Structures are given as structure tokens and as C-alpha cells.
Amino acid sequence: MKKITTLFITLSMTLTTGLVVGQNTRFSDPQQVIDNEFWGNLYAEGGSSFFCDTAFSGKGFVMSDGYIYPLADIRTALDCGTASQCRQDNRYRQITSDLHNMVPVRTRIEMRRRNARYENLGDTTGADECGIRESAQFFEPPERVKGDVARTMAYMVDTYGLPWLGATPVLKGWSKLDPPDDRELSRHKRVTEIQGNENPFVANPGLIERL
């Protein structure tokens, strides 16, 4: 009986791990992905910052690799400990190596929003020069990327079993109001080519309603 119980627990853990690591099976070294694939491939020729839409030629003091689903929240969801401890966790390494969740962001914005929750703040909260609204722990991105945020959030929730970082109706509403544009589709195609899997919520935005 003890052997059967042990076998059942081992099998359950194996299945759970398989579900957690999700679709990104190509990369599991976050720093290597950031250096070689994100900056060295996807944005090797520069691009535009995600939230502010300002041109950049490469990584520097002003620009950072940002995460739509912040790393601190991934650590909390996995309960894997400190940043250093989590880097030893294969689940964390694979999730944080996922290019679908990485975007180029101004460093000062990435610092400000690390513990924020996505929310509609409305006109009573003033927007900054990038169109961002912030209040306490809440963060409302510019209109033009609200759908991008929602579809990435849906991907992280569905693929890795992570919790929503904001009210689900709000994020689903953003996806409807801001369908994939040419830039999002072009970036999605490149990430899919590099990583080997797509974000189904970009390919078929209506899927978000099933979550």
C-alpha cells in the first residue's frame, strides 16, 4: 500500500509539473533568453517601447526587459521563495523564459509597476505622457496596448495556471476594445518562430471568453 501511495504522489507531481511548465519547452534559462533571444534576436535592430511607443536602438540604461506578468507575482504564485531560490526551480525558470511575456519597457516604468494590478482608473486619474494612469497599487496601460496586456495575461493564466492580476471582466473588455493590430501580430509571429509555440489568444482573440 505504501508503494502504491508513493507511486500515486510521484505521478501526481509529474503531471502537475507538466501542466505548470506549459508550452514553452524550448527555453529554460531566463538570462540566456534575455541576452540571446530577446535583445540579441527579437529586438536586435531596436524597436519601440511597449507602453510609451518611443523608438530605441538597443538595450541601455533607459530600456529594460519588462514582463507583462511581473516576476514577483510569478514567484508568489509558485511559492518558490526568494528570487535567488526561485531561480533553482525549473518551473520558474521555464515560465520566466517565455518570450510571449517579455516586452521592452522604459526602466523607470518597469520599476514603478512591478507590484501593480491592472485596472480601469478612468478620467479622474490623470494620464502621464505615455498615456499611463496609476493610483496606489493599480496600473492602467495606454489604450493602444490594453488588448496586448489582456491577451498576454490570458496566455499566462491558461498556460501556467497563474492567477489573474486584475479583474477578469476588465481584462476581457480590454481584449475586445483593442483587437490585435499589425505590430502585435508581427511580434507574435516572430516570438512563435523563435520559441516554437504561439499565444492562442492573439491568434484567436475570442478564446479569452472561455476562461
C-alpha atoms as a PDB file:
ATOM      1  CA  MET A   1       0.000   0.000   0.000  1.00  0.00           C
ATOM      2  CA  LYS A   2       2.846   2.380   0.868  1.00  0.00           C
ATOM      3  CA  LYS A   3       4.472   1.753  -2.528  1.00  0.00           C
ATOM      4  CA  ILE A   4       1.190   2.430  -4.313  1.00  0.00           C
ATOM      5  CA  THR A   5       0.684   5.678  -2.377  1.00  0.00           C
ATOM      6  CA  THR A   6       4.238   6.808  -3.143  1.00  0.00           C
ATOM      7  CA  LEU A   7       3.764   5.986  -6.818  1.00  0.00           C
ATOM      8  CA  PHE A   8       0.488   7.943  -6.901  1.00  0.00           C
ATOM      9  CA  ILE A   9       2.108  11.007  -5.309  1.00  0.00           C
ATOM     10  CA  THR A  10       5.053  10.853  -7.710  1.00  0.00           C
ATOM     11  CA  LEU A  11       2.721  10.543 -10.708  1.00  0.00           C
ATOM     12  CA  SER A  12       0.591  13.446  -9.493  1.00  0.00           C
ATOM     13  CA  MET A  13       3.655  15.664  -9.078  1.00  0.00           C
ATOM     14  CA  THR A  14       4.879  14.712 -12.559  1.00  0.00           C
ATOM     15  CA  LEU A  15       1.531  15.570 -14.128  1.00  0.00           C
ATOM     16  CA  THR A  16       1.311  18.843 -12.207  1.00  0.00           C
ATOM     17  CA  THR A  17       4.803  19.849 -13.294  1.00  0.00           C
ATOM     18  CA  GLY A  18       3.890  19.041 -16.886  1.00  0.00           C
ATOM     19  CA  LEU A  19       0.891  21.324 -16.651  1.00  0.00           C
ATOM     20  CA  VAL A  20       2.840  24.119 -14.991  1.00  0.00           C
ATOM     21  CA  VAL A  21       5.695  24.270 -17.482  1.00  0.00           C
ATOM     22  CA  GLY A  22       3.139  24.636 -20.249  1.00  0.00           C
ATOM     23  CA  GLN A  23       4.013  25.190 -23.865  1.00  0.00           C
ATOM     24  CA  ASN A  24       7.451  26.795 -23.615  1.00  0.00           C
ATOM     25  CA  THR A  25       9.611  23.687 -23.866  1.00  0.00           C
ATOM     26  CA  ARG A  26      12.451  25.265 -25.846  1.00  0.00           C
ATOM     27  CA  PHE A  27      13.881  27.668 -23.263  1.00  0.00           C
ATOM     28  CA  SER A  28      14.601  27.294 -19.549  1.00  0.00           C
ATOM     29  CA  ASP A  29      17.475  29.728 -18.945  1.00  0.00           C
ATOM     30  CA  PRO A  30      15.933  33.184 -18.411  1.00  0.00           C
ATOM     31  CA  GLN A  31      19.163  35.186 -18.604  1.00  0.00           C
ATOM     32  CA  GLN A  32      20.281  33.428 -21.770  1.00  0.00           C
ATOM     33  CA  VAL A  33      16.876  34.072 -23.346  1.00  0.00           C
ATOM     34  CA  ILE A  34      17.034  37.755 -22.391  1.00  0.00           C
ATOM     35  CA  ASP A  35      20.559  38.196 -23.770  1.00  0.00           C
ATOM     36  CA  ASN A  36      20.427  35.975 -26.853  1.00  0.00           C
ATOM     37  CA  GLU A  37      16.791  35.825 -27.918  1.00  0.00           C
ATOM     38  CA  PHE A  38      15.101  38.961 -26.587  1.00  0.00           C
ATOM     39  CA  TRP A  39      17.806  41.594 -27.115  1.00  0.00           C
ATOM     40  CA  GLY A  40      20.039  39.597 -29.453  1.00  0.00           C
ATOM     41  CA  ASN A  41      17.325  38.372 -31.804  1.00  0.00           C
ATOM     42  CA  LEU A  42      13.815  39.761 -31.332  1.00  0.00           C
ATOM     43  CA  TYR A  43      14.989  43.351 -30.743  1.00  0.00           C
ATOM     44  CA  ALA A  44      18.454  43.150 -32.268  1.00  0.00           C
ATOM     45  CA  GLU A  45      17.657  46.128 -34.504  1.00  0.00           C
ATOM     46  CA  GLY A  46      15.810  48.103 -31.851  1.00  0.00           C
ATOM     47  CA  GLY A  47      12.102  48.861 -31.861  1.00  0.00           C
ATOM     48  CA  SER A  48       9.536  50.811 -29.847  1.00  0.00           C
ATOM     49  CA  SER A  49       8.998  50.683 -26.090  1.00  0.00           C
ATOM     50  CA  PHE A  50       5.842  48.805 -25.174  1.00  0.00           C
ATOM     51  CA  PHE A  51       3.943  51.275 -23.030  1.00  0.00           C
ATOM     52  CA  CYS A  52       5.312  54.601 -24.345  1.00  0.00           C
ATOM     53  CA  ASP A  53       5.812  53.742 -28.028  1.00  0.00           C
ATOM     54  CA  THR A  54       9.168  55.538 -28.149  1.00  0.00           C
ATOM     55  CA  ALA A  55      11.888  54.345 -30.500  1.00  0.00           C
ATOM     56  CA  PHE A  56      15.062  52.731 -29.154  1.00  0.00           C
ATOM     57  CA  SER A  57      18.120  51.265 -30.859  1.00  0.00           C
ATOM     58  CA  GLY A  58      19.056  48.704 -28.217  1.00  0.00           C
ATOM     59  CA  LYS A  59      19.237  47.879 -24.540  1.00  0.00           C
ATOM     60  CA  GLY A  60      20.670  50.591 -22.342  1.00  0.00           C
ATOM     61  CA  PHE A  61      20.203  52.452 -19.093  1.00  0.00           C
ATOM     62  CA  VAL A  62      16.839  53.798 -20.246  1.00  0.00           C
ATOM     63  CA  MET A  63      15.418  50.492 -21.536  1.00  0.00           C
ATOM     64  CA  SER A  64      14.757  47.231 -19.708  1.00  0.00           C
ATOM     65  CA  ASP A  65      13.341  43.814 -20.489  1.00  0.00           C
ATOM     66  CA  GLY A  66       9.892  44.044 -18.909  1.00  0.00           C
ATOM     67  CA  TYR A  67       7.287  41.435 -18.025  1.00  0.00           C
ATOM     68  CA  ILE A  68       3.562  41.921 -18.544  1.00  0.00           C
ATOM     69  CA  TYR A  69       3.043  39.307 -15.845  1.00  0.00           C
ATOM     70  CA  PRO A  70       5.649  40.533 -13.319  1.00  0.00           C
ATOM     71  CA  LEU A  71       8.300  38.164 -11.998  1.00  0.00           C
ATOM     72  CA  ALA A  72       7.476  38.919  -8.354  1.00  0.00           C
ATOM     73  CA  ASP A  73       3.900  37.747  -8.917  1.00  0.00           C
ATOM     74  CA  ILE A  74       5.142  34.563 -10.586  1.00  0.00           C
ATOM     75  CA  ARG A  75       7.302  33.858  -7.534  1.00  0.00           C
ATOM     76  CA  THR A  76       4.339  34.462  -5.250  1.00  0.00           C
ATOM     77  CA  ALA A  77       2.081  32.168  -7.294  1.00  0.00           C
ATOM     78  CA  LEU A  78       4.639  29.358  -7.321  1.00  0.00           C
ATOM     79  CA  ASP A  79       5.587  29.921  -3.673  1.00  0.00           C
ATOM     80  CA  CYS A  80       9.183  29.104  -4.584  1.00  0.00           C
ATOM     81  CA  GLY A  81      10.848  31.563  -2.194  1.00  0.00           C
ATOM     82  CA  THR A  82      13.175  34.458  -2.921  1.00  0.00           C
ATOM     83  CA  ALA A  83      14.345  35.447  -6.387  1.00  0.00           C
ATOM     84  CA  SER A  84      17.565  33.503  -5.819  1.00  0.00           C
ATOM     85  CA  GLN A  85      15.705  30.416  -4.573  1.00  0.00           C
ATOM     86  CA  CYS A  86      13.202  30.516  -7.429  1.00  0.00           C
ATOM     87  CA  ARG A  87      15.984  30.529  -9.996  1.00  0.00           C
ATOM     88  CA  GLN A  88      16.702  26.965  -8.876  1.00  0.00           C
ATOM     89  CA  ASP A  89      13.093  25.949  -9.607  1.00  0.00           C
ATOM     90  CA  ASN A  90      12.643  24.533 -13.114  1.00  0.00           C
ATOM     91  CA  ARG A  91       9.008  25.689 -13.278  1.00  0.00           C
ATOM     92  CA  TYR A  92      10.047  29.267 -12.531  1.00  0.00           C
ATOM     93  CA  ARG A  93      12.925  29.116 -15.000  1.00  0.00           C
ATOM     94  CA  GLN A  94      10.678  27.971 -17.842  1.00  0.00           C
ATOM     95  CA  ILE A  95       7.893  30.428 -17.092  1.00  0.00           C
ATOM     96  CA  THR A  96      10.323  33.359 -16.854  1.00  0.00           C
ATOM     97  CA  SER A  97      11.993  32.273 -20.099  1.00  0.00           C
ATOM     98  CA  ASP A  98       8.743  32.713 -22.050  1.00  0.00           C
ATOM     99  CA  LEU A  99       9.183  35.399 -24.704  1.00  0.00           C
ATOM    100  CA  HIS A 100       5.430  35.926 -25.031  1.00  0.00           C
ATOM    101  CA  ASN A 101       5.529  37.633 -21.623  1.00  0.00           C
ATOM    102  CA  MET A 102       8.577  39.837 -22.321  1.00  0.00           C
ATOM    103  CA  VAL A 103       8.380  43.363 -23.723  1.00  0.00           C
ATOM    104  CA  PRO A 104      10.836  46.277 -23.997  1.00  0.00           C
ATOM    105  CA  VAL A 105       9.940  48.845 -21.330  1.00  0.00           C
ATOM    106  CA  ARG A 106      11.392  52.093 -20.087  1.00  0.00           C
ATOM    107  CA  THR A 107      13.314  51.251 -16.928  1.00  0.00           C
ATOM    108  CA  ARG A 108      11.535  53.806 -14.741  1.00  0.00           C
ATOM    109  CA  ILE A 109       8.116  52.452 -15.759  1.00  0.00           C
ATOM    110  CA  GLU A 110       9.127  48.852 -15.075  1.00  0.00           C
ATOM    111  CA  MET A 111      10.318  49.862 -11.604  1.00  0.00           C
ATOM    112  CA  ARG A 112       7.003  51.599 -10.830  1.00  0.00           C
ATOM    113  CA  ARG A 113       4.609  48.877 -11.917  1.00  0.00           C
ATOM    114  CA  ARG A 114       6.210  45.721 -10.523  1.00  0.00           C
ATOM    115  CA  ASN A 115       3.612  45.207  -7.799  1.00  0.00           C
ATOM    116  CA  ALA A 116       0.657  46.793  -9.578  1.00  0.00           C
ATOM    117  CA  ARG A 117      -2.669  45.269 -10.533  1.00  0.00           C
ATOM    118  CA  TYR A 118      -4.289  46.075 -13.868  1.00  0.00           C
ATOM    119  CA  GLU A 119      -7.452  48.145 -13.588  1.00  0.00           C
ATOM    120  CA  ASN A 120      -9.605  50.788 -15.282  1.00  0.00           C
ATOM    121  CA  LEU A 121      -8.934  54.008 -13.377  1.00  0.00           C
ATOM    122  CA  GLY A 122     -10.967  56.398 -15.516  1.00  0.00           C
ATOM    123  CA  ASP A 123     -10.545  60.066 -16.352  1.00  0.00           C
ATOM    124  CA  THR A 124     -10.469  61.113 -12.709  1.00  0.00           C
ATOM    125  CA  THR A 125      -6.894  59.782 -12.617  1.00  0.00           C
ATOM    126  CA  GLY A 126      -4.590  61.810 -14.826  1.00  0.00           C
ATOM    127  CA  ALA A 127      -2.549  60.094 -17.517  1.00  0.00           C
ATOM    128  CA  ASP A 128       1.190  60.687 -17.917  1.00  0.00           C
ATOM    129  CA  GLU A 129       2.952  61.499 -21.179  1.00  0.00           C
ATOM    130  CA  CYS A 130       2.728  57.828 -22.229  1.00  0.00           C
ATOM    131  CA  GLY A 131      -0.998  57.535 -21.548  1.00  0.00           C
ATOM    132  CA  ILE A 132      -0.470  55.512 -18.359  1.00  0.00           C
ATOM    133  CA  ARG A 133      -2.746  56.016 -15.351  1.00  0.00           C
ATOM    134  CA  GLU A 134      -1.609  54.963 -11.880  1.00  0.00           C
ATOM    135  CA  SER A 135      -3.235  55.056  -8.459  1.00  0.00           C
ATOM    136  CA  ALA A 136      -1.929  53.284  -5.351  1.00  0.00           C
ATOM    137  CA  GLN A 137      -1.297  49.681  -6.462  1.00  0.00           C
ATOM    138  CA  PHE A 138      -3.333  49.961  -9.669  1.00  0.00           C
ATOM    139  CA  PHE A 139      -1.995  50.425 -13.193  1.00  0.00           C
ATOM    140  CA  GLU A 140      -3.939  51.248 -16.362  1.00  0.00           C
ATOM    141  CA  PRO A 141      -1.896  50.938 -19.576  1.00  0.00           C
ATOM    142  CA  PRO A 142      -2.410  53.171 -22.632  1.00  0.00           C
ATOM    143  CA  GLU A 143      -5.449  52.369 -24.765  1.00  0.00           C
ATOM    144  CA  ARG A 144      -3.366  51.094 -27.685  1.00  0.00           C
ATOM    145  CA  VAL A 145      -1.822  48.203 -25.694  1.00  0.00           C
ATOM    146  CA  LYS A 146      -4.677  47.230 -23.371  1.00  0.00           C
ATOM    147  CA  GLY A 147      -5.571  44.300 -25.597  1.00  0.00           C
ATOM    148  CA  ASP A 148      -1.929  43.208 -25.775  1.00  0.00           C
ATOM    149  CA  VAL A 149      -1.793  43.163 -21.970  1.00  0.00           C
ATOM    150  CA  ALA A 150      -5.062  41.236 -21.686  1.00  0.00           C
ATOM    151  CA  ARG A 151      -4.083  38.577 -24.221  1.00  0.00           C
ATOM    152  CA  THR A 152      -0.680  38.063 -22.603  1.00  0.00           C
ATOM    153  CA  MET A 153      -2.330  37.814 -19.192  1.00  0.00           C
ATOM    154  CA  ALA A 154      -4.782  35.230 -20.570  1.00  0.00           C
ATOM    155  CA  TYR A 155      -1.864  33.255 -22.009  1.00  0.00           C
ATOM    156  CA  MET A 156      -0.010  33.198 -18.689  1.00  0.00           C
ATOM    157  CA  VAL A 157      -3.143  32.220 -16.775  1.00  0.00           C
ATOM    158  CA  ASP A 158      -4.117  29.480 -19.216  1.00  0.00           C
ATOM    159  CA  THR A 159      -0.640  28.113 -19.957  1.00  0.00           C
ATOM    160  CA  TYR A 160       0.884  28.128 -16.490  1.00  0.00           C
ATOM    161  CA  GLY A 161      -2.115  28.135 -14.166  1.00  0.00           C
ATOM    162  CA  LEU A 162      -1.226  31.541 -12.723  1.00  0.00           C
ATOM    163  CA  PRO A 163      -3.866  33.807 -11.139  1.00  0.00           C
ATOM    164  CA  TRP A 164      -5.260  36.863 -12.938  1.00  0.00           C
ATOM    165  CA  LEU A 165      -3.573  40.124 -11.933  1.00  0.00           C
ATOM    166  CA  GLY A 166      -6.703  42.216 -12.152  1.00  0.00           C
ATOM    167  CA  ALA A 167     -10.427  41.768 -12.573  1.00  0.00           C
ATOM    168  CA  THR A 168     -11.170  39.215 -15.302  1.00  0.00           C
ATOM    169  CA  PRO A 169     -14.071  41.234 -16.829  1.00  0.00           C
ATOM    170  CA  VAL A 170     -11.790  44.278 -17.132  1.00  0.00           C
ATOM    171  CA  LEU A 171      -9.089  42.349 -18.967  1.00  0.00           C
ATOM    172  CA  LYS A 172     -11.586  40.602 -21.238  1.00  0.00           C
ATOM    173  CA  GLY A 173     -13.070  44.012 -22.008  1.00  0.00           C
ATOM    174  CA  TRP A 174      -9.633  45.341 -22.953  1.00  0.00           C
ATOM    175  CA  SER A 175      -9.155  42.482 -25.392  1.00  0.00           C
ATOM    176  CA  LYS A 176     -12.440  43.347 -27.113  1.00  0.00           C
ATOM    177  CA  LEU A 177     -11.759  47.074 -27.260  1.00  0.00           C
ATOM    178  CA  ASP A 178      -8.209  46.663 -28.553  1.00  0.00           C
ATOM    179  CA  PRO A 179      -8.004  43.727 -31.001  1.00  0.00           C
ATOM    180  CA  PRO A 180      -4.597  42.614 -32.338  1.00  0.00           C
ATOM    181  CA  ASP A 181      -3.049  45.228 -34.628  1.00  0.00           C
ATOM    182  CA  ASP A 182      -0.291  44.739 -37.184  1.00  0.00           C
ATOM    183  CA  ARG A 183       2.503  45.379 -34.686  1.00  0.00           C
ATOM    184  CA  GLU A 184       1.175  42.866 -32.168  1.00  0.00           C
ATOM    185  CA  LEU A 185       0.629  40.261 -34.886  1.00  0.00           C
ATOM    186  CA  SER A 186       4.105  40.839 -36.315  1.00  0.00           C
ATOM    187  CA  ARG A 187       5.733  40.491 -32.895  1.00  0.00           C
ATOM    188  CA  HIS A 188       3.645  37.397 -32.147  1.00  0.00           C
ATOM    189  CA  LYS A 189       4.792  35.790 -35.391  1.00  0.00           C
ATOM    190  CA  ARG A 190       8.457  36.433 -34.561  1.00  0.00           C
ATOM    191  CA  VAL A 191       8.125  35.097 -30.997  1.00  0.00           C
ATOM    192  CA  THR A 192       6.346  31.997 -32.298  1.00  0.00           C
ATOM    193  CA  GLU A 193       9.160  31.396 -34.784  1.00  0.00           C
ATOM    194  CA  ILE A 194      11.840  31.796 -32.107  1.00  0.00           C
ATOM    195  CA  GLN A 195      10.163  29.944 -29.247  1.00  0.00           C
ATOM    196  CA  GLY A 196       8.150  27.362 -31.153  1.00  0.00           C
ATOM    197  CA  ASN A 197       4.670  27.992 -29.732  1.00  0.00           C
ATOM    198  CA  GLU A 198       2.028  30.664 -30.237  1.00  0.00           C
ATOM    199  CA  ASN A 199      -0.200  32.642 -27.912  1.00  0.00           C
ATOM    200  CA  PRO A 200      -3.624  31.287 -28.943  1.00  0.00           C
ATOM    201  CA  PHE A 201      -5.344  34.419 -27.606  1.00  0.00           C
ATOM    202  CA  VAL A 202      -3.550  36.529 -30.206  1.00  0.00           C
ATOM    203  CA  ALA A 203      -4.222  34.056 -32.999  1.00  0.00           C
ATOM    204  CA  ASN A 204      -7.900  33.784 -31.932  1.00  0.00           C
ATOM    205  CA  PRO A 205      -8.828  36.635 -29.521  1.00  0.00           C
ATOM    206  CA  GLY A 206     -12.322  35.236 -28.930  1.00  0.00           C
ATOM    207  CA  LEU A 207     -10.802  32.364 -26.915  1.00  0.00           C
ATOM    208  CA  ILE A 208     -10.368  34.678 -23.939  1.00  0.00           C
ATOM    209  CA  GLU A 209     -14.113  34.497 -23.308  1.00  0.00           C
ATOM    210  CA  ARG A 210     -13.766  30.792 -22.457  1.00  0.00           C
ATOM    211  CA  LEU A 211     -11.515  31.448 -19.461  1.00  0.00           C
END
